[in-house]
Amino acid sequence: GTNLKGTRQWKYCETISKKYHFNLVEDIKHVQTIDVVFASEYFEHIQNPIEHLVDDILSKKPKIIITANAFNTRSIGHFEEYQVYDRKTNTHKTISQSKMSKLFNDTLIQNGYERVKTKFWNNRPQVFQIKSF
């Protein structure tokens, strides 16, 4: 898990990480591999979430990615528009929140993940797992 050290979330995560034997880190750039990513109300607060997903998370090849409330259009404080970096033209373009949600899911699928149907309410959170898992 990652979070800001010293916050209530960090302290709670410290408690459960000891109980369930997982590591808690401030910055995943220093981690070589990740088994599971659980991102609750996370990606929608990053102006360029695809770049973060590809560069910082998918490079670690997590087996499972769980996203909760990503790009929820009813939530307050999320961006109405997001930035997407186009590697071919070396520029950023702006896309809407609804298009970002589809692009986010498509990016996971293009990187070898498949959507897993769950029995959670309204099939949320979204669960993706690497196809070879």
N, C-alpha and C. Protein backbone atom coordinates (compact mmCIF):
# COMPACT_ATOMS: atom_id res chain seq x y z
N GLY A 1 0.83 -1.18 0.00
CA GLY A 1 0.00 0.00 0.00
C GLY A 1 0.86 1.24 0.00
N THR A 2 0.32 2.34 -0.44
CA THR A 2 1.01 3.62 -0.36
C THR A 2 0.05 4.62 0.25
N ASN A 3 0.57 5.56 0.95
CA ASN A 3 -0.22 6.63 1.53
C ASN A 3 0.73 7.66 2.11
N LEU A 4 0.20 8.77 2.57
CA LEU A 4 1.04 9.79 3.17
C LEU A 4 1.35 9.42 4.61
N LYS A 5 2.61 9.31 4.91
CA LYS A 5 3.04 8.91 6.24
C LYS A 5 2.54 9.90 7.28
N GLY A 6 2.01 9.37 8.37
CA GLY A 6 1.53 10.21 9.46
C GLY A 6 0.03 10.48 9.43
N THR A 7 -0.63 10.19 8.29
CA THR A 7 -2.07 10.42 8.21
C THR A 7 -2.82 9.31 8.96
N ARG A 8 -4.09 9.53 9.21
CA ARG A 8 -4.91 8.49 9.85
C ARG A 8 -4.94 7.23 8.98
N GLN A 9 -5.01 7.41 7.66
CA GLN A 9 -5.02 6.25 6.77
C GLN A 9 -3.72 5.46 6.90
N TRP A 10 -2.60 6.18 7.02
CA TRP A 10 -1.31 5.51 7.16
C TRP A 10 -1.29 4.69 8.46
N LYS A 11 -1.74 5.30 9.55
CA LYS A 11 -1.73 4.62 10.84
C LYS A 11 -2.63 3.39 10.82
N TYR A 12 -3.79 3.51 10.18
CA TYR A 12 -4.69 2.36 10.05
C TYR A 12 -4.02 1.27 9.21
N CYS A 13 -3.40 1.66 8.11
CA CYS A 13 -2.73 0.68 7.25
C CYS A 13 -1.57 0.00 7.97
N GLU A 14 -0.87 0.74 8.83
CA GLU A 14 0.21 0.13 9.61
C GLU A 14 -0.34 -1.00 10.47
N THR A 15 -1.48 -0.75 11.09
CA THR A 15 -2.11 -1.75 11.95
C THR A 15 -2.49 -2.99 11.17
N ILE A 16 -3.19 -2.80 10.04
CA ILE A 16 -3.63 -3.98 9.30
C ILE A 16 -2.49 -4.65 8.53
N SER A 17 -1.44 -3.89 8.18
CA SER A 17 -0.31 -4.51 7.49
C SER A 17 0.41 -5.49 8.41
N LYS A 18 0.48 -5.16 9.69
CA LYS A 18 1.09 -6.09 10.65
C LYS A 18 0.21 -7.32 10.84
N LYS A 19 -1.09 -7.10 10.91
CA LYS A 19 -2.02 -8.20 11.13
C LYS A 19 -2.04 -9.17 9.94
N TYR A 20 -2.02 -8.61 8.72
CA TYR A 20 -2.16 -9.45 7.52
C TYR A 20 -0.85 -9.62 6.75
N HIS A 21 0.25 -9.16 7.31
CA HIS A 21 1.59 -9.41 6.78
C HIS A 21 1.81 -8.87 5.36
N PHE A 22 1.54 -7.59 5.16
CA PHE A 22 1.91 -6.97 3.90
C PHE A 22 2.73 -5.72 4.18
N ASN A 23 3.47 -5.28 3.18
CA ASN A 23 4.35 -4.13 3.32
C ASN A 23 3.62 -2.85 2.99
N LEU A 24 3.96 -1.80 3.68
CA LEU A 24 3.41 -0.48 3.48
C LEU A 24 4.55 0.44 3.10
N VAL A 25 4.43 1.13 1.95
CA VAL A 25 5.50 2.01 1.49
C VAL A 25 4.94 3.38 1.14
N GLU A 26 5.80 4.38 1.25
CA GLU A 26 5.39 5.74 0.89
C GLU A 26 5.44 5.98 -0.61
N ASP A 27 6.37 5.34 -1.30
CA ASP A 27 6.58 5.59 -2.72
C ASP A 27 6.88 4.28 -3.43
N ILE A 28 6.03 3.89 -4.38
CA ILE A 28 6.22 2.60 -5.05
C ILE A 28 7.38 2.60 -6.04
N LYS A 29 7.96 3.75 -6.31
CA LYS A 29 9.10 3.80 -7.23
C LYS A 29 10.27 2.97 -6.72
N HIS A 30 10.34 2.73 -5.41
CA HIS A 30 11.44 1.98 -4.82
C HIS A 30 11.11 0.50 -4.65
N VAL A 31 9.94 0.08 -5.11
CA VAL A 31 9.51 -1.31 -4.98
C VAL A 31 9.71 -2.02 -6.31
N GLN A 32 10.22 -3.26 -6.26
CA GLN A 32 10.48 -4.00 -7.49
C GLN A 32 9.22 -4.67 -8.06
N THR A 33 8.42 -5.29 -7.17
CA THR A 33 7.22 -5.98 -7.62
C THR A 33 6.06 -5.68 -6.67
N ILE A 34 4.85 -5.84 -7.20
CA ILE A 34 3.63 -5.65 -6.42
C ILE A 34 2.71 -6.82 -6.74
N ASP A 35 2.12 -7.43 -5.73
CA ASP A 35 1.18 -8.52 -5.98
C ASP A 35 -0.23 -7.99 -6.25
N VAL A 36 -0.69 -7.08 -5.40
CA VAL A 36 -2.06 -6.57 -5.50
C VAL A 36 -2.03 -5.05 -5.34
N VAL A 37 -2.79 -4.36 -6.20
CA VAL A 37 -3.00 -2.92 -6.05
C VAL A 37 -4.46 -2.74 -5.69
N PHE A 38 -4.73 -2.11 -4.55
CA PHE A 38 -6.09 -1.72 -4.19
C PHE A 38 -6.10 -0.21 -4.13
N ALA A 39 -6.79 0.39 -5.07
CA ALA A 39 -6.80 1.86 -5.18
C ALA A 39 -8.22 2.36 -4.96
N SER A 40 -8.50 2.78 -3.76
CA SER A 40 -9.82 3.30 -3.42
C SER A 40 -9.78 4.81 -3.49
N GLU A 41 -10.59 5.37 -4.39
CA GLU A 41 -10.66 6.82 -4.56
C GLU A 41 -9.25 7.40 -4.74
N TYR A 42 -8.55 6.87 -5.70
CA TYR A 42 -7.14 7.22 -5.91
C TYR A 42 -6.89 7.82 -7.29
N PHE A 43 -7.10 7.02 -8.35
CA PHE A 43 -6.72 7.45 -9.69
C PHE A 43 -7.47 8.71 -10.14
N GLU A 44 -8.69 8.87 -9.70
CA GLU A 44 -9.48 10.03 -10.15
C GLU A 44 -8.97 11.34 -9.58
N HIS A 45 -8.03 11.29 -8.63
CA HIS A 45 -7.46 12.50 -8.05
C HIS A 45 -6.10 12.86 -8.67
N ILE A 46 -5.75 12.17 -9.73
CA ILE A 46 -4.49 12.43 -10.43
C ILE A 46 -4.85 12.99 -11.80
N GLN A 47 -4.31 14.13 -12.14
CA GLN A 47 -4.68 14.79 -13.41
C GLN A 47 -4.27 13.96 -14.62
N ASN A 48 -3.20 13.17 -14.51
CA ASN A 48 -2.74 12.34 -15.61
C ASN A 48 -2.65 10.88 -15.15
N PRO A 49 -3.79 10.23 -14.89
CA PRO A 49 -3.78 8.90 -14.28
C PRO A 49 -3.24 7.79 -15.18
N ILE A 50 -3.36 7.92 -16.50
CA ILE A 50 -2.87 6.86 -17.39
C ILE A 50 -1.36 6.78 -17.34
N GLU A 51 -0.70 7.92 -17.38
CA GLU A 51 0.76 7.94 -17.30
C GLU A 51 1.22 7.32 -15.97
N HIS A 52 0.54 7.66 -14.88
CA HIS A 52 0.86 7.09 -13.57
C HIS A 52 0.63 5.58 -13.57
N LEU A 53 -0.50 5.17 -14.13
CA LEU A 53 -0.82 3.73 -14.18
C LEU A 53 0.25 2.96 -14.94
N VAL A 54 0.59 3.43 -16.12
CA VAL A 54 1.53 2.71 -16.97
C VAL A 54 2.95 2.77 -16.42
N ASP A 55 3.42 3.97 -16.09
CA ASP A 55 4.81 4.13 -15.68
C ASP A 55 5.10 3.62 -14.27
N ASP A 56 4.20 3.85 -13.33
CA ASP A 56 4.49 3.53 -11.94
C ASP A 56 3.88 2.22 -11.46
N ILE A 57 2.80 1.78 -12.06
CA ILE A 57 2.13 0.60 -11.54
C ILE A 57 2.30 -0.61 -12.45
N LEU A 58 1.92 -0.49 -13.70
CA LEU A 58 1.99 -1.64 -14.59
C LEU A 58 3.41 -2.11 -14.84
N SER A 59 4.39 -1.24 -14.66
CA SER A 59 5.79 -1.65 -14.80
C SER A 59 6.18 -2.67 -13.73
N LYS A 60 5.42 -2.71 -12.63
CA LYS A 60 5.69 -3.65 -11.53
C LYS A 60 4.97 -4.99 -11.72
N LYS A 61 4.11 -5.07 -12.75
CA LYS A 61 3.36 -6.28 -13.09
C LYS A 61 2.54 -6.86 -11.93
N PRO A 62 1.67 -6.07 -11.30
CA PRO A 62 0.83 -6.64 -10.25
C PRO A 62 -0.12 -7.69 -10.83
N LYS A 63 -0.40 -8.73 -10.06
CA LYS A 63 -1.30 -9.79 -10.51
C LYS A 63 -2.75 -9.32 -10.52
N ILE A 64 -3.11 -8.50 -9.56
CA ILE A 64 -4.49 -8.05 -9.41
C ILE A 64 -4.52 -6.55 -9.17
N ILE A 65 -5.46 -5.86 -9.81
CA ILE A 65 -5.67 -4.43 -9.60
C ILE A 65 -7.15 -4.24 -9.27
N ILE A 66 -7.42 -3.64 -8.13
CA ILE A 66 -8.79 -3.37 -7.70
C ILE A 66 -8.94 -1.86 -7.62
N THR A 67 -9.92 -1.32 -8.33
CA THR A 67 -10.15 0.13 -8.29
C THR A 67 -11.55 0.38 -7.74
N ALA A 68 -11.65 1.24 -6.78
CA ALA A 68 -12.94 1.59 -6.20
C ALA A 68 -13.23 3.06 -6.47
N ASN A 69 -14.39 3.32 -7.03
CA ASN A 69 -14.87 4.68 -7.27
C ASN A 69 -14.04 5.47 -8.26
N ALA A 70 -13.27 4.82 -9.11
CA ALA A 70 -12.45 5.56 -10.07
C ALA A 70 -13.32 6.30 -11.06
N PHE A 71 -13.08 7.59 -11.19
CA PHE A 71 -13.74 8.45 -12.17
C PHE A 71 -15.25 8.51 -11.99
N ASN A 72 -15.69 8.50 -10.74
CA ASN A 72 -17.11 8.60 -10.42
C ASN A 72 -17.56 10.03 -10.71
N THR A 73 -18.47 10.20 -11.65
CA THR A 73 -18.87 11.54 -12.09
C THR A 73 -19.67 12.28 -11.04
N ARG A 74 -20.18 11.60 -10.03
CA ARG A 74 -20.97 12.27 -9.00
C ARG A 74 -20.12 12.75 -7.83
N SER A 75 -18.86 12.38 -7.81
CA SER A 75 -18.02 12.74 -6.68
C SER A 75 -17.52 14.18 -6.80
N ILE A 76 -17.41 14.84 -5.68
CA ILE A 76 -16.94 16.22 -5.64
C ILE A 76 -15.41 16.21 -5.53
N GLY A 77 -14.79 17.13 -6.21
CA GLY A 77 -13.34 17.28 -6.08
C GLY A 77 -12.54 16.57 -7.15
N HIS A 78 -13.19 15.79 -7.98
CA HIS A 78 -12.47 15.13 -9.06
C HIS A 78 -12.39 16.06 -10.25
N PHE A 79 -11.47 15.80 -11.13
CA PHE A 79 -11.31 16.63 -12.31
C PHE A 79 -12.45 16.39 -13.29
N GLU A 80 -12.89 17.43 -13.96
CA GLU A 80 -13.86 17.27 -15.03
C GLU A 80 -13.17 16.87 -16.32
N GLU A 81 -11.89 17.23 -16.42
CA GLU A 81 -11.08 16.85 -17.58
C GLU A 81 -9.74 16.33 -17.08
N TYR A 82 -9.17 15.44 -17.87
CA TYR A 82 -7.89 14.83 -17.53
C TYR A 82 -6.90 15.04 -18.66
N GLN A 83 -5.62 14.93 -18.33
CA GLN A 83 -4.57 15.05 -19.32
C GLN A 83 -4.08 13.65 -19.70
N VAL A 84 -3.86 13.45 -20.98
CA VAL A 84 -3.31 12.20 -21.48
C VAL A 84 -2.09 12.54 -22.32
N TYR A 85 -0.99 11.88 -22.02
CA TYR A 85 0.25 12.11 -22.75
C TYR A 85 0.27 11.23 -23.99
N ASP A 86 0.48 11.84 -25.14
CA ASP A 86 0.58 11.12 -26.40
C ASP A 86 2.07 10.95 -26.72
N ARG A 87 2.56 9.73 -26.57
CA ARG A 87 3.99 9.47 -26.76
C ARG A 87 4.43 9.68 -28.22
N LYS A 88 3.52 9.48 -29.15
CA LYS A 88 3.87 9.65 -30.56
C LYS A 88 4.14 11.11 -30.91
N THR A 89 3.32 12.01 -30.38
CA THR A 89 3.48 13.43 -30.72
C THR A 89 4.19 14.21 -29.62
N ASN A 90 4.48 13.54 -28.50
CA ASN A 90 5.15 14.18 -27.36
C ASN A 90 4.36 15.38 -26.84
N THR A 91 3.02 15.24 -26.80
CA THR A 91 2.16 16.31 -26.31
C THR A 91 1.10 15.73 -25.38
N HIS A 92 0.47 16.62 -24.63
CA HIS A 92 -0.65 16.24 -23.78
C HIS A 92 -1.95 16.68 -24.45
N LYS A 93 -2.99 15.87 -24.31
CA LYS A 93 -4.30 16.28 -24.78
C LYS A 93 -5.28 16.15 -23.62
N THR A 94 -6.38 16.86 -23.69
CA THR A 94 -7.38 16.87 -22.65
C THR A 94 -8.55 16.00 -23.06
N ILE A 95 -9.02 15.15 -22.13
CA ILE A 95 -10.20 14.33 -22.40
C ILE A 95 -11.17 14.44 -21.22
N SER A 96 -12.43 14.12 -21.48
CA SER A 96 -13.46 14.22 -20.45
C SER A 96 -13.33 13.08 -19.44
N GLN A 97 -14.02 13.26 -18.34
CA GLN A 97 -14.01 12.26 -17.27
C GLN A 97 -14.56 10.92 -17.75
N SER A 98 -15.65 10.93 -18.52
CA SER A 98 -16.23 9.67 -18.99
C SER A 98 -15.30 8.97 -19.97
N LYS A 99 -14.60 9.72 -20.81
CA LYS A 99 -13.65 9.10 -21.74
C LYS A 99 -12.44 8.55 -20.98
N MET A 100 -12.05 9.23 -19.89
CA MET A 100 -10.93 8.75 -19.09
C MET A 100 -11.24 7.40 -18.48
N SER A 101 -12.46 7.22 -18.01
CA SER A 101 -12.85 5.95 -17.42
C SER A 101 -12.69 4.80 -18.43
N LYS A 102 -13.15 5.01 -19.66
CA LYS A 102 -13.02 3.99 -20.70
C LYS A 102 -11.56 3.78 -21.07
N LEU A 103 -10.81 4.86 -21.22
CA LEU A 103 -9.39 4.76 -21.56
C LEU A 103 -8.61 4.02 -20.47
N PHE A 104 -8.94 4.28 -19.23
CA PHE A 104 -8.30 3.61 -18.09
C PHE A 104 -8.50 2.10 -18.19
N ASN A 105 -9.76 1.68 -18.38
CA ASN A 105 -10.07 0.25 -18.49
C ASN A 105 -9.41 -0.35 -19.73
N ASP A 106 -9.46 0.35 -20.86
CA ASP A 106 -8.83 -0.13 -22.09
C ASP A 106 -7.33 -0.28 -21.92
N THR A 107 -6.70 0.65 -21.18
CA THR A 107 -5.26 0.58 -20.95
C THR A 107 -4.90 -0.68 -20.17
N LEU A 108 -5.70 -1.03 -19.18
CA LEU A 108 -5.46 -2.26 -18.43
C LEU A 108 -5.58 -3.48 -19.35
N ILE A 109 -6.60 -3.51 -20.17
CA ILE A 109 -6.81 -4.64 -21.09
C ILE A 109 -5.66 -4.74 -22.09
N GLN A 110 -5.22 -3.62 -22.64
CA GLN A 110 -4.11 -3.61 -23.59
C GLN A 110 -2.80 -4.05 -22.96
N ASN A 111 -2.71 -3.97 -21.64
CA ASN A 111 -1.50 -4.39 -20.93
C ASN A 111 -1.62 -5.77 -20.31
N GLY A 112 -2.55 -6.57 -20.82
CA GLY A 112 -2.62 -7.98 -20.42
C GLY A 112 -3.54 -8.30 -19.26
N TYR A 113 -4.41 -7.37 -18.87
CA TYR A 113 -5.34 -7.61 -17.77
C TYR A 113 -6.73 -7.91 -18.32
N GLU A 114 -7.49 -8.64 -17.54
CA GLU A 114 -8.89 -8.88 -17.90
C GLU A 114 -9.76 -8.50 -16.72
N ARG A 115 -10.95 -8.05 -17.04
CA ARG A 115 -11.91 -7.64 -16.01
C ARG A 115 -12.51 -8.89 -15.38
N VAL A 116 -12.59 -8.90 -14.07
CA VAL A 116 -13.15 -10.02 -13.33
C VAL A 116 -14.52 -9.59 -12.80
N LYS A 117 -15.53 -10.36 -13.11
CA LYS A 117 -16.87 -10.05 -12.58
C LYS A 117 -16.90 -10.43 -11.11
N THR A 118 -17.50 -9.56 -10.31
CA THR A 118 -17.57 -9.80 -8.87
C THR A 118 -19.01 -9.85 -8.42
N LYS A 119 -19.19 -10.22 -7.18
CA LYS A 119 -20.52 -10.23 -6.59
C LYS A 119 -20.74 -9.02 -5.70
N PHE A 120 -19.82 -8.06 -5.80
CA PHE A 120 -19.97 -6.83 -5.05
C PHE A 120 -21.15 -6.04 -5.61
N TRP A 121 -21.59 -5.05 -4.86
CA TRP A 121 -22.68 -4.20 -5.30
C TRP A 121 -22.36 -3.60 -6.66
N ASN A 122 -23.26 -3.78 -7.60
CA ASN A 122 -23.15 -3.18 -8.93
C ASN A 122 -21.80 -3.49 -9.58
N ASN A 123 -21.24 -4.64 -9.26
CA ASN A 123 -19.94 -5.08 -9.79
C ASN A 123 -18.84 -4.06 -9.50
N ARG A 124 -18.93 -3.43 -8.34
CA ARG A 124 -17.91 -2.47 -7.92
C ARG A 124 -17.37 -2.90 -6.58
N PRO A 125 -16.13 -2.76 -6.29
CA PRO A 125 -15.12 -2.12 -7.11
C PRO A 125 -14.79 -2.95 -8.35
N GLN A 126 -14.13 -2.33 -9.32
CA GLN A 126 -13.71 -3.05 -10.51
C GLN A 126 -12.46 -3.85 -10.17
N VAL A 127 -12.44 -5.07 -10.64
CA VAL A 127 -11.31 -5.95 -10.38
C VAL A 127 -10.74 -6.39 -11.72
N PHE A 128 -9.43 -6.22 -11.90
CA PHE A 128 -8.72 -6.68 -13.07
C PHE A 128 -7.63 -7.62 -12.61
N GLN A 129 -7.40 -8.67 -13.35
CA GLN A 129 -6.26 -9.55 -13.03
C GLN A 129 -5.48 -9.83 -14.31
N ILE A 130 -4.21 -10.08 -14.12
CA ILE A 130 -3.36 -10.37 -15.26
C ILE A 130 -3.85 -11.69 -15.86
N LYS A 131 -3.92 -11.79 -17.17
CA LYS A 131 -4.52 -12.96 -17.82
C LYS A 131 -3.80 -14.25 -17.49
N SER A 132 -2.51 -14.21 -17.27
CA SER A 132 -1.74 -15.44 -17.00
C SER A 132 -1.83 -15.88 -15.54
N PHE A 133 -2.56 -15.14 -14.72
CA PHE A 133 -2.64 -15.43 -13.28
C PHE A 133 -3.68 -16.49 -13.03
